[in-house]
Amino acid sequence: MNARSFRFGVSLLNAGSSRSDWLARAREAEDLGYDVLQVPDHLTTVAPFPALVASADVTSMRLGTYVLNAGVLSPAYLARDVIDTQRLTDGRLELGLGAGYVPEEFAAVGLPFGTPGSRLRKLEEVLTGLRELLAARPDTPQPPIMVAGVGDRILTLAARSADIISFPISVGFGEGTPEQALGNRVQHVRDAAGERIGEIELNLFVAGVGHQLADIDLSVITAATGMSAEQLAELPGVLVGSPRQIADTLLRYREEFGISYISVLEPHMRAFAEVIPLLK
């Protein structure tokens, strides 16, 4: 089976001071070689759908959510937003969904955080309901759907129903070395997907990029995990080295794991842009 061509996404975190500021950053992302402009879904970040629609006016990139918190969504309202965003962006939407992991965001809308199992069931409910509602609208092209996660159950769900599966930074926290942990998660997807594995695009979320570890601010992840910067530097989602060294690492990830879609956070957008020409 031929390897997929690489694709590159960047997550812009906030709207900035004005519409012109947001659009300038969107144009910069495209000029740097990114294929997909992505936005997260937190109360402290930019509102996803308005931001993506605005970006469609000034770029030709694909436009994605990375990722919506399905735990606070209803299929009906989400379908409405997806249908209109597809129309207003000429069908360029890529819809990313996750189960949610921030208790404060559930509390803000008056919902219990629940258990991992209950959040997974809600994700499945939203995903199934959304697909049914979109299928009933033959005039609207269905966007590819990404599901992000690392646990057995969410990866099994994704392997059976998603077009794209994303491995977040925590994919390296499993047994063995961080790369072995990633390999184990990929193998789980392959086993669960069976014959449809060839239809699934695998994505790696990159939370840090730099020529050397001292160049990368990992303080937020360090505070959340208790891991040292040196330990975090071993994770697949933290890329340390020259552009050529990082490109070689990602070529190896594509060969060994089938990962061809790379997403980076906005603070690392320019640093990672040096890698993109080496892989296209």
C-alpha atoms as a PDB file:
ATOM      1  CA  MET A   1       0.000   0.000   0.000  1.00  0.00           C
ATOM      2  CA  ASN A   2       1.393   3.384  -0.977  1.00  0.00           C
ATOM      3  CA  ALA A   3       2.066   5.864   1.818  1.00  0.00           C
ATOM      4  CA  ARG A   4      -0.250   8.837   2.019  1.00  0.00           C
ATOM      5  CA  SER A   5       1.125  12.241   1.171  1.00  0.00           C
ATOM      6  CA  PHE A   6       1.815  14.413   4.179  1.00  0.00           C
ATOM      7  CA  ARG A   7      -0.687  17.031   5.279  1.00  0.00           C
ATOM      8  CA  PHE A   8      -0.076  19.736   7.837  1.00  0.00           C
ATOM      9  CA  GLY A   9      -2.517  21.563  10.103  1.00  0.00           C
ATOM     10  CA  VAL A  10      -2.060  24.432  12.537  1.00  0.00           C
ATOM     11  CA  SER A  11      -4.343  25.330  15.445  1.00  0.00           C
ATOM     12  CA  LEU A  12      -4.888  29.065  15.900  1.00  0.00           C
ATOM     13  CA  LEU A  13      -5.863  29.721  19.488  1.00  0.00           C
ATOM     14  CA  ASN A  14      -7.608  33.091  19.694  1.00  0.00           C
ATOM     15  CA  ALA A  15      -9.299  35.662  17.510  1.00  0.00           C
ATOM     16  CA  GLY A  16      -6.751  38.362  18.253  1.00  0.00           C
ATOM     17  CA  SER A  17      -7.584  42.046  18.554  1.00  0.00           C
ATOM     18  CA  SER A  18      -9.678  42.380  15.392  1.00  0.00           C
ATOM     19  CA  ARG A  19     -11.016  40.666  12.287  1.00  0.00           C
ATOM     20  CA  SER A  20      -8.025  41.909  10.300  1.00  0.00           C
ATOM     21  CA  ASP A  21      -5.639  40.397  12.864  1.00  0.00           C
ATOM     22  CA  TRP A  22      -7.359  37.013  12.643  1.00  0.00           C
ATOM     23  CA  LEU A  23      -7.382  37.037   8.849  1.00  0.00           C
ATOM     24  CA  ALA A  24      -3.715  38.048   8.682  1.00  0.00           C
ATOM     25  CA  ARG A  25      -2.755  35.055  10.811  1.00  0.00           C
ATOM     26  CA  ALA A  26      -4.877  32.756   8.674  1.00  0.00           C
ATOM     27  CA  ARG A  27      -3.155  34.032   5.531  1.00  0.00           C
ATOM     28  CA  GLU A  28       0.234  33.595   7.185  1.00  0.00           C
ATOM     29  CA  ALA A  29      -0.552  29.971   7.993  1.00  0.00           C
ATOM     30  CA  GLU A  30      -1.332  29.290   4.346  1.00  0.00           C
ATOM     31  CA  ASP A  31       1.742  31.178   3.155  1.00  0.00           C
ATOM     32  CA  LEU A  32       3.894  29.036   5.478  1.00  0.00           C
ATOM     33  CA  GLY A  33       2.660  25.895   3.714  1.00  0.00           C
ATOM     34  CA  TYR A  34      -0.047  24.567   6.022  1.00  0.00           C
ATOM     35  CA  ASP A  35      -2.896  22.644   4.413  1.00  0.00           C
ATOM     36  CA  VAL A  36      -5.491  22.895   7.183  1.00  0.00           C
ATOM     37  CA  LEU A  37      -6.374  25.769   9.498  1.00  0.00           C
ATOM     38  CA  GLN A  38      -7.691  24.310  12.743  1.00  0.00           C
ATOM     39  CA  VAL A  39      -9.305  25.815  15.824  1.00  0.00           C
ATOM     40  CA  PRO A  40      -9.720  24.277  19.296  1.00  0.00           C
ATOM     41  CA  ASP A  41     -12.894  24.244  21.370  1.00  0.00           C
ATOM     42  CA  HIS A  42     -12.400  25.762  24.809  1.00  0.00           C
ATOM     43  CA  LEU A  43     -14.150  28.630  26.542  1.00  0.00           C
ATOM     44  CA  THR A  44     -10.864  30.559  26.495  1.00  0.00           C
ATOM     45  CA  THR A  45     -10.208  30.131  22.764  1.00  0.00           C
ATOM     46  CA  VAL A  46     -11.766  31.408  19.554  1.00  0.00           C
ATOM     47  CA  ALA A  47     -15.347  30.354  18.724  1.00  0.00           C
ATOM     48  CA  PRO A  48     -14.768  27.609  16.141  1.00  0.00           C
ATOM     49  CA  PHE A  49     -17.390  27.988  13.431  1.00  0.00           C
ATOM     50  CA  PRO A  50     -17.373  31.815  13.038  1.00  0.00           C
ATOM     51  CA  ALA A  51     -13.577  31.780  12.902  1.00  0.00           C
ATOM     52  CA  LEU A  52     -13.483  29.095  10.214  1.00  0.00           C
ATOM     53  CA  VAL A  53     -16.104  30.831   8.082  1.00  0.00           C
ATOM     54  CA  ALA A  54     -14.165  34.098   8.270  1.00  0.00           C
ATOM     55  CA  SER A  55     -10.950  32.318   7.267  1.00  0.00           C
ATOM     56  CA  ALA A  56     -12.602  30.853   4.180  1.00  0.00           C
ATOM     57  CA  ASP A  57     -12.759  34.334   2.646  1.00  0.00           C
ATOM     58  CA  VAL A  58      -8.990  34.794   2.563  1.00  0.00           C
ATOM     59  CA  THR A  59      -7.499  31.295   2.217  1.00  0.00           C
ATOM     60  CA  SER A  60      -7.951  28.158   0.149  1.00  0.00           C
ATOM     61  CA  MET A  61      -7.011  25.830   3.041  1.00  0.00           C
ATOM     62  CA  ARG A  62      -9.145  23.099   4.492  1.00  0.00           C
ATOM     63  CA  LEU A  63     -10.783  24.268   7.735  1.00  0.00           C
ATOM     64  CA  GLY A  64     -11.047  22.067  10.808  1.00  0.00           C
ATOM     65  CA  THR A  65     -12.115  21.878  14.422  1.00  0.00           C
ATOM     66  CA  TYR A  66      -9.470  20.363  16.690  1.00  0.00           C
ATOM     67  CA  VAL A  67     -11.501  19.204  18.456  1.00  0.00           C
ATOM     68  CA  LEU A  68     -15.068  19.951  19.527  1.00  0.00           C
ATOM     69  CA  ASN A  69     -16.117  18.810  22.994  1.00  0.00           C
ATOM     70  CA  ALA A  70     -18.940  16.395  22.179  1.00  0.00           C
ATOM     71  CA  GLY A  71     -19.885  16.273  25.849  1.00  0.00           C
ATOM     72  CA  VAL A  72     -21.568  19.682  25.664  1.00  0.00           C
ATOM     73  CA  LEU A  73     -23.103  19.308  22.188  1.00  0.00           C
ATOM     74  CA  SER A  74     -26.394  18.082  20.782  1.00  0.00           C
ATOM     75  CA  PRO A  75     -26.520  16.355  17.383  1.00  0.00           C
ATOM     76  CA  ALA A  76     -29.260  18.667  16.104  1.00  0.00           C
ATOM     77  CA  TYR A  77     -27.517  21.950  16.867  1.00  0.00           C
ATOM     78  CA  LEU A  78     -24.179  20.597  15.717  1.00  0.00           C
ATOM     79  CA  ALA A  79     -25.713  19.424  12.438  1.00  0.00           C
ATOM     80  CA  ARG A  80     -27.093  22.914  11.838  1.00  0.00           C
ATOM     81  CA  ASP A  81     -23.653  24.466  12.363  1.00  0.00           C
ATOM     82  CA  VAL A  82     -21.906  21.848  10.232  1.00  0.00           C
ATOM     83  CA  ILE A  83     -24.365  22.223   7.337  1.00  0.00           C
ATOM     84  CA  ASP A  84     -24.070  26.004   7.209  1.00  0.00           C
ATOM     85  CA  THR A  85     -20.306  26.001   7.727  1.00  0.00           C
ATOM     86  CA  GLN A  86     -19.956  23.548   4.854  1.00  0.00           C
ATOM     87  CA  ARG A  87     -22.008  25.848   2.653  1.00  0.00           C
ATOM     88  CA  LEU A  88     -20.213  29.026   3.689  1.00  0.00           C
ATOM     89  CA  THR A  89     -16.747  27.494   3.205  1.00  0.00           C
ATOM     90  CA  ASP A  90     -17.505  25.744  -0.103  1.00  0.00           C
ATOM     91  CA  GLY A  91     -17.295  22.312   1.481  1.00  0.00           C
ATOM     92  CA  ARG A  92     -13.861  22.700   3.096  1.00  0.00           C
ATOM     93  CA  LEU A  93     -14.787  21.685   6.646  1.00  0.00           C
ATOM     94  CA  GLU A  94     -13.062  18.862   8.536  1.00  0.00           C
ATOM     95  CA  LEU A  95     -14.974  18.122  11.724  1.00  0.00           C
ATOM     96  CA  GLY A  96     -12.892  17.048  14.699  1.00  0.00           C
ATOM     97  CA  LEU A  97     -14.620  15.613  17.791  1.00  0.00           C
ATOM     98  CA  GLY A  98     -13.451  14.472  21.198  1.00  0.00           C
ATOM     99  CA  ALA A  99     -15.046  13.285  24.429  1.00  0.00           C
ATOM    100  CA  GLY A 100     -14.023  16.340  26.455  1.00  0.00           C
ATOM    101  CA  TYR A 101     -11.487  16.405  29.271  1.00  0.00           C
ATOM    102  CA  VAL A 102     -11.884  19.748  31.120  1.00  0.00           C
ATOM    103  CA  PRO A 103     -14.346  19.513  34.059  1.00  0.00           C
ATOM    104  CA  GLU A 104     -14.814  23.299  34.208  1.00  0.00           C
ATOM    105  CA  GLU A 105     -16.234  23.343  30.679  1.00  0.00           C
ATOM    106  CA  PHE A 106     -18.961  20.892  31.605  1.00  0.00           C
ATOM    107  CA  ALA A 107     -19.725  22.849  34.773  1.00  0.00           C
ATOM    108  CA  ALA A 108     -20.014  26.080  32.776  1.00  0.00           C
ATOM    109  CA  VAL A 109     -22.996  24.668  30.849  1.00  0.00           C
ATOM    110  CA  GLY A 110     -24.529  22.949  33.862  1.00  0.00           C
ATOM    111  CA  LEU A 111     -23.603  19.395  32.930  1.00  0.00           C
ATOM    112  CA  PRO A 112     -21.861  16.748  35.055  1.00  0.00           C
ATOM    113  CA  PHE A 113     -18.339  15.834  34.013  1.00  0.00           C
ATOM    114  CA  GLY A 114     -19.273  12.211  34.480  1.00  0.00           C
ATOM    115  CA  THR A 115     -17.017   9.222  33.938  1.00  0.00           C
ATOM    116  CA  PRO A 116     -14.810   8.328  30.979  1.00  0.00           C
ATOM    117  CA  GLY A 117     -17.471   5.801  30.011  1.00  0.00           C
ATOM    118  CA  SER A 118     -20.323   8.311  30.107  1.00  0.00           C
ATOM    119  CA  ARG A 119     -18.322  10.838  28.086  1.00  0.00           C
ATOM    120  CA  LEU A 120     -17.516   8.191  25.510  1.00  0.00           C
ATOM    121  CA  ARG A 121     -21.185   7.241  25.239  1.00  0.00           C
ATOM    122  CA  LYS A 122     -22.074  10.883  24.674  1.00  0.00           C
ATOM    123  CA  LEU A 123     -19.426  11.162  21.951  1.00  0.00           C
ATOM    124  CA  GLU A 124     -20.871   8.083  20.231  1.00  0.00           C
ATOM    125  CA  GLU A 125     -24.386   9.506  20.549  1.00  0.00           C
ATOM    126  CA  VAL A 126     -23.339  12.818  18.997  1.00  0.00           C
ATOM    127  CA  LEU A 127     -21.345  11.138  16.243  1.00  0.00           C
ATOM    128  CA  THR A 128     -24.143   8.722  15.313  1.00  0.00           C
ATOM    129  CA  GLY A 129     -26.864  11.364  15.479  1.00  0.00           C
ATOM    130  CA  LEU A 130     -24.849  13.825  13.441  1.00  0.00           C
ATOM    131  CA  ARG A 131     -24.168  11.324  10.670  1.00  0.00           C
ATOM    132  CA  GLU A 132     -27.870  10.447  10.463  1.00  0.00           C
ATOM    133  CA  LEU A 133     -28.906  14.097  10.252  1.00  0.00           C
ATOM    134  CA  LEU A 134     -26.304  14.879   7.604  1.00  0.00           C
ATOM    135  CA  ALA A 135     -27.258  11.816   5.571  1.00  0.00           C
ATOM    136  CA  ALA A 136     -30.798  13.170   5.426  1.00  0.00           C
ATOM    137  CA  ARG A 137     -29.487  16.295   3.676  1.00  0.00           C
ATOM    138  CA  PRO A 138     -28.194  15.054   0.306  1.00  0.00           C
ATOM    139  CA  ASP A 139     -27.644  18.642  -0.836  1.00  0.00           C
ATOM    140  CA  THR A 140     -24.828  19.096   1.716  1.00  0.00           C
ATOM    141  CA  PRO A 141     -21.511  17.255   1.346  1.00  0.00           C
ATOM    142  CA  GLN A 142     -20.574  15.431   4.539  1.00  0.00           C
ATOM    143  CA  PRO A 143     -17.263  16.599   6.001  1.00  0.00           C
ATOM    144  CA  PRO A 144     -14.583  14.092   6.926  1.00  0.00           C
ATOM    145  CA  ILE A 145     -14.809  13.404  10.648  1.00  0.00           C
ATOM    146  CA  MET A 146     -11.813  13.219  12.953  1.00  0.00           C
ATOM    147  CA  VAL A 147     -11.929  11.604  16.388  1.00  0.00           C
ATOM    148  CA  ALA A 148      -9.109  12.268  18.846  1.00  0.00           C
ATOM    149  CA  GLY A 149      -8.184  10.064  21.790  1.00  0.00           C
ATOM    150  CA  VAL A 150      -5.877   7.391  23.199  1.00  0.00           C
ATOM    151  CA  GLY A 151      -7.993   4.901  25.176  1.00  0.00           C
ATOM    152  CA  ASP A 152      -9.028   1.506  23.872  1.00  0.00           C
ATOM    153  CA  ARG A 153     -12.739   2.310  23.708  1.00  0.00           C
ATOM    154  CA  ILE A 154     -12.479   5.671  21.982  1.00  0.00           C
ATOM    155  CA  LEU A 155      -9.961   4.328  19.469  1.00  0.00           C
ATOM    156  CA  THR A 156     -12.225   1.367  18.752  1.00  0.00           C
ATOM    157  CA  LEU A 157     -15.125   3.752  18.135  1.00  0.00           C
ATOM    158  CA  ALA A 158     -12.927   5.908  15.915  1.00  0.00           C
ATOM    159  CA  ALA A 159     -11.557   2.927  13.998  1.00  0.00           C
ATOM    160  CA  ARG A 160     -15.101   1.841  13.133  1.00  0.00           C
ATOM    161  CA  SER A 161     -16.580   5.216  12.250  1.00  0.00           C
ATOM    162  CA  ALA A 162     -14.061   8.050  11.740  1.00  0.00           C
ATOM    163  CA  ASP A 163     -12.285   9.208   8.602  1.00  0.00           C
ATOM    164  CA  ILE A 164      -9.327  10.598  10.561  1.00  0.00           C
ATOM    165  CA  ILE A 165      -7.948   9.478  13.923  1.00  0.00           C
ATOM    166  CA  SER A 166      -5.772  11.859  15.912  1.00  0.00           C
ATOM    167  CA  PHE A 167      -3.334  10.896  18.640  1.00  0.00           C
ATOM    168  CA  PRO A 168      -2.962  13.713  21.204  1.00  0.00           C
ATOM    169  CA  ILE A 169       0.125  14.475  23.269  1.00  0.00           C
ATOM    170  CA  SER A 170      -0.853  11.842  25.859  1.00  0.00           C
ATOM    171  CA  VAL A 171      -0.389   9.041  23.319  1.00  0.00           C
ATOM    172  CA  GLY A 172       3.194   8.688  24.556  1.00  0.00           C
ATOM    173  CA  PHE A 173       2.213   8.098  28.183  1.00  0.00           C
ATOM    174  CA  GLY A 174       1.561   4.356  27.859  1.00  0.00           C
ATOM    175  CA  GLU A 175       3.696   1.311  28.587  1.00  0.00           C
ATOM    176  CA  GLY A 176       7.258   1.056  27.284  1.00  0.00           C
ATOM    177  CA  THR A 177       9.015   3.927  25.597  1.00  0.00           C
ATOM    178  CA  PRO A 178       6.877   6.792  24.268  1.00  0.00           C
ATOM    179  CA  GLU A 179       7.318   5.535  20.702  1.00  0.00           C
ATOM    180  CA  GLN A 180       6.353   2.017  21.769  1.00  0.00           C
ATOM    181  CA  ALA A 181       3.240   3.477  23.395  1.00  0.00           C
ATOM    182  CA  LEU A 182       2.369   5.225  20.123  1.00  0.00           C
ATOM    183  CA  GLY A 183       2.955   2.014  18.203  1.00  0.00           C
ATOM    184  CA  ASN A 184       0.640   0.142  20.561  1.00  0.00           C
ATOM    185  CA  ARG A 185      -2.140   2.695  20.006  1.00  0.00           C
ATOM    186  CA  VAL A 186      -1.706   2.510  16.241  1.00  0.00           C
ATOM    187  CA  GLN A 187      -1.845  -1.275  16.365  1.00  0.00           C
ATOM    188  CA  HIS A 188      -5.065  -1.101  18.359  1.00  0.00           C
ATOM    189  CA  VAL A 189      -6.574   1.076  15.635  1.00  0.00           C
ATOM    190  CA  ARG A 190      -5.432  -1.344  12.943  1.00  0.00           C
ATOM    191  CA  ASP A 191      -6.894  -4.314  14.774  1.00  0.00           C
ATOM    192  CA  ALA A 192     -10.209  -2.550  15.387  1.00  0.00           C
ATOM    193  CA  ALA A 193     -10.488  -1.107  11.887  1.00  0.00           C
ATOM    194  CA  GLY A 194      -9.837  -4.327   9.997  1.00  0.00           C
ATOM    195  CA  GLU A 195     -10.275  -3.893   6.267  1.00  0.00           C
ATOM    196  CA  ARG A 196     -11.216  -0.212   6.525  1.00  0.00           C
ATOM    197  CA  ILE A 197      -7.784   0.794   7.884  1.00  0.00           C
ATOM    198  CA  GLY A 198      -6.813   1.927   4.383  1.00  0.00           C
ATOM    199  CA  GLU A 199      -9.629   4.485   4.497  1.00  0.00           C
ATOM    200  CA  ILE A 200      -8.419   6.083   7.740  1.00  0.00           C
ATOM    201  CA  GLU A 201      -5.929   8.950   7.889  1.00  0.00           C
ATOM    202  CA  LEU A 202      -3.776   9.023  11.034  1.00  0.00           C
ATOM    203  CA  ASN A 203      -2.929  12.350  12.665  1.00  0.00           C
ATOM    204  CA  LEU A 204      -0.330  13.255  15.288  1.00  0.00           C
ATOM    205  CA  PHE A 205      -0.849  16.343  17.430  1.00  0.00           C
ATOM    206  CA  VAL A 206       2.409  18.183  18.081  1.00  0.00           C
ATOM    207  CA  ALA A 207       2.574  20.349  21.197  1.00  0.00           C
ATOM    208  CA  GLY A 208       6.191  21.499  20.914  1.00  0.00           C
ATOM    209  CA  VAL A 209       8.785  22.134  18.201  1.00  0.00           C
ATOM    210  CA  GLY A 210      12.314  23.505  18.529  1.00  0.00           C
ATOM    211  CA  HIS A 211      15.938  23.151  17.510  1.00  0.00           C
ATOM    212  CA  GLN A 212      16.750  22.334  21.139  1.00  0.00           C
ATOM    213  CA  LEU A 213      14.730  21.625  24.249  1.00  0.00           C
ATOM    214  CA  ALA A 214      15.482  25.055  25.742  1.00  0.00           C
ATOM    215  CA  ASP A 215      13.648  26.643  22.789  1.00  0.00           C
ATOM    216  CA  ILE A 216      10.324  24.984  23.703  1.00  0.00           C
ATOM    217  CA  ASP A 217       7.994  26.171  26.452  1.00  0.00           C
ATOM    218  CA  LEU A 218       6.536  22.981  27.915  1.00  0.00           C
ATOM    219  CA  SER A 219       5.519  24.526  31.245  1.00  0.00           C
ATOM    220  CA  VAL A 220       1.786  23.937  30.768  1.00  0.00           C
ATOM    221  CA  ILE A 221       2.279  20.237  30.001  1.00  0.00           C
ATOM    222  CA  THR A 222       4.826  19.893  32.804  1.00  0.00           C
ATOM    223  CA  ALA A 223       2.357  21.375  35.290  1.00  0.00           C
ATOM    224  CA  ALA A 224      -0.442  19.107  34.067  1.00  0.00           C
ATOM    225  CA  THR A 225       1.578  15.874  34.031  1.00  0.00           C
ATOM    226  CA  GLY A 226       4.316  16.339  36.599  1.00  0.00           C
ATOM    227  CA  MET A 227       6.819  15.205  33.983  1.00  0.00           C
ATOM    228  CA  SER A 228      10.071  17.046  33.453  1.00  0.00           C
ATOM    229  CA  ALA A 229      10.854  18.843  30.209  1.00  0.00           C
ATOM    230  CA  GLU A 230      13.445  16.157  29.480  1.00  0.00           C
ATOM    231  CA  GLN A 231      10.821  13.428  29.848  1.00  0.00           C
ATOM    232  CA  LEU A 232       8.339  15.331  27.685  1.00  0.00           C
ATOM    233  CA  ALA A 233      10.970  15.753  24.971  1.00  0.00           C
ATOM    234  CA  GLU A 234      10.829  11.984  24.419  1.00  0.00           C
ATOM    235  CA  LEU A 235       7.141  12.108  23.477  1.00  0.00           C
ATOM    236  CA  PRO A 236       6.204  11.702  19.800  1.00  0.00           C
ATOM    237  CA  GLY A 237       4.238  14.963  20.067  1.00  0.00           C
ATOM    238  CA  VAL A 238       7.332  16.983  21.015  1.00  0.00           C
ATOM    239  CA  LEU A 239       9.768  17.412  18.123  1.00  0.00           C
ATOM    240  CA  VAL A 240      13.310  18.500  18.993  1.00  0.00           C
ATOM    241  CA  GLY A 241      16.080  18.925  16.432  1.00  0.00           C
ATOM    242  CA  SER A 242      16.980  20.615  13.191  1.00  0.00           C
ATOM    243  CA  PRO A 243      14.337  20.777  10.458  1.00  0.00           C
ATOM    244  CA  ARG A 244      16.086  17.903   8.704  1.00  0.00           C
ATOM    245  CA  GLN A 245      16.164  15.783  11.862  1.00  0.00           C
ATOM    246  CA  ILE A 246      12.475  16.438  12.532  1.00  0.00           C
ATOM    247  CA  ALA A 247      11.587  15.660   8.919  1.00  0.00           C
ATOM    248  CA  ASP A 248      13.455  12.354   9.178  1.00  0.00           C
ATOM    249  CA  THR A 249      11.549  11.521  12.365  1.00  0.00           C
ATOM    250  CA  LEU A 250       8.211  12.177  10.690  1.00  0.00           C
ATOM    251  CA  LEU A 251       9.209  10.149   7.640  1.00  0.00           C
ATOM    252  CA  ARG A 252       9.947   7.279   9.997  1.00  0.00           C
ATOM    253  CA  TYR A 253       6.591   7.760  11.762  1.00  0.00           C
ATOM    254  CA  ARG A 254       4.870   7.530   8.391  1.00  0.00           C
ATOM    255  CA  GLU A 255       6.770   4.374   7.467  1.00  0.00           C
ATOM    256  CA  GLU A 256       6.389   2.623  10.833  1.00  0.00           C
ATOM    257  CA  PHE A 257       3.016   3.889  12.023  1.00  0.00           C
ATOM    258  CA  GLY A 258       1.225   5.196   8.939  1.00  0.00           C
ATOM    259  CA  ILE A 259       0.982   8.725  10.378  1.00  0.00           C
ATOM    260  CA  SER A 260       0.899  11.294   7.573  1.00  0.00           C
ATOM    261  CA  TYR A 261      -1.173  14.182   8.977  1.00  0.00           C
ATOM    262  CA  ILE A 262       0.608  16.455  11.451  1.00  0.00           C
ATOM    263  CA  SER A 263      -1.080  19.195  13.491  1.00  0.00           C
ATOM    264  CA  VAL A 264       0.854  21.813  15.458  1.00  0.00           C
ATOM    265  CA  LEU A 265      -0.100  24.574  17.876  1.00  0.00           C
ATOM    266  CA  GLU A 266       0.108  28.191  16.728  1.00  0.00           C
ATOM    267  CA  PRO A 267       3.102  29.113  18.972  1.00  0.00           C
ATOM    268  CA  HIS A 268       5.170  26.597  16.981  1.00  0.00           C
ATOM    269  CA  MET A 269       3.743  27.492  13.573  1.00  0.00           C
ATOM    270  CA  ARG A 270       6.831  29.271  12.261  1.00  0.00           C
ATOM    271  CA  ALA A 271       9.342  26.804  13.692  1.00  0.00           C
ATOM    272  CA  PHE A 272       7.558  23.816  12.164  1.00  0.00           C
ATOM    273  CA  ALA A 273       7.140  25.626   8.848  1.00  0.00           C
ATOM    274  CA  GLU A 274      10.865  25.016   8.253  1.00  0.00           C
ATOM    275  CA  VAL A 275      10.094  21.278   8.174  1.00  0.00           C
ATOM    276  CA  ILE A 276       7.202  21.390   5.717  1.00  0.00           C
ATOM    277  CA  PRO A 277       9.216  21.920   2.476  1.00  0.00           C
ATOM    278  CA  LEU A 278      11.337  18.885   3.363  1.00  0.00           C
ATOM    279  CA  LEU A 279       8.266  16.625   3.355  1.00  0.00           C
ATOM    280  CA  LYS A 280       6.244  17.954   0.430  1.00  0.00           C
END
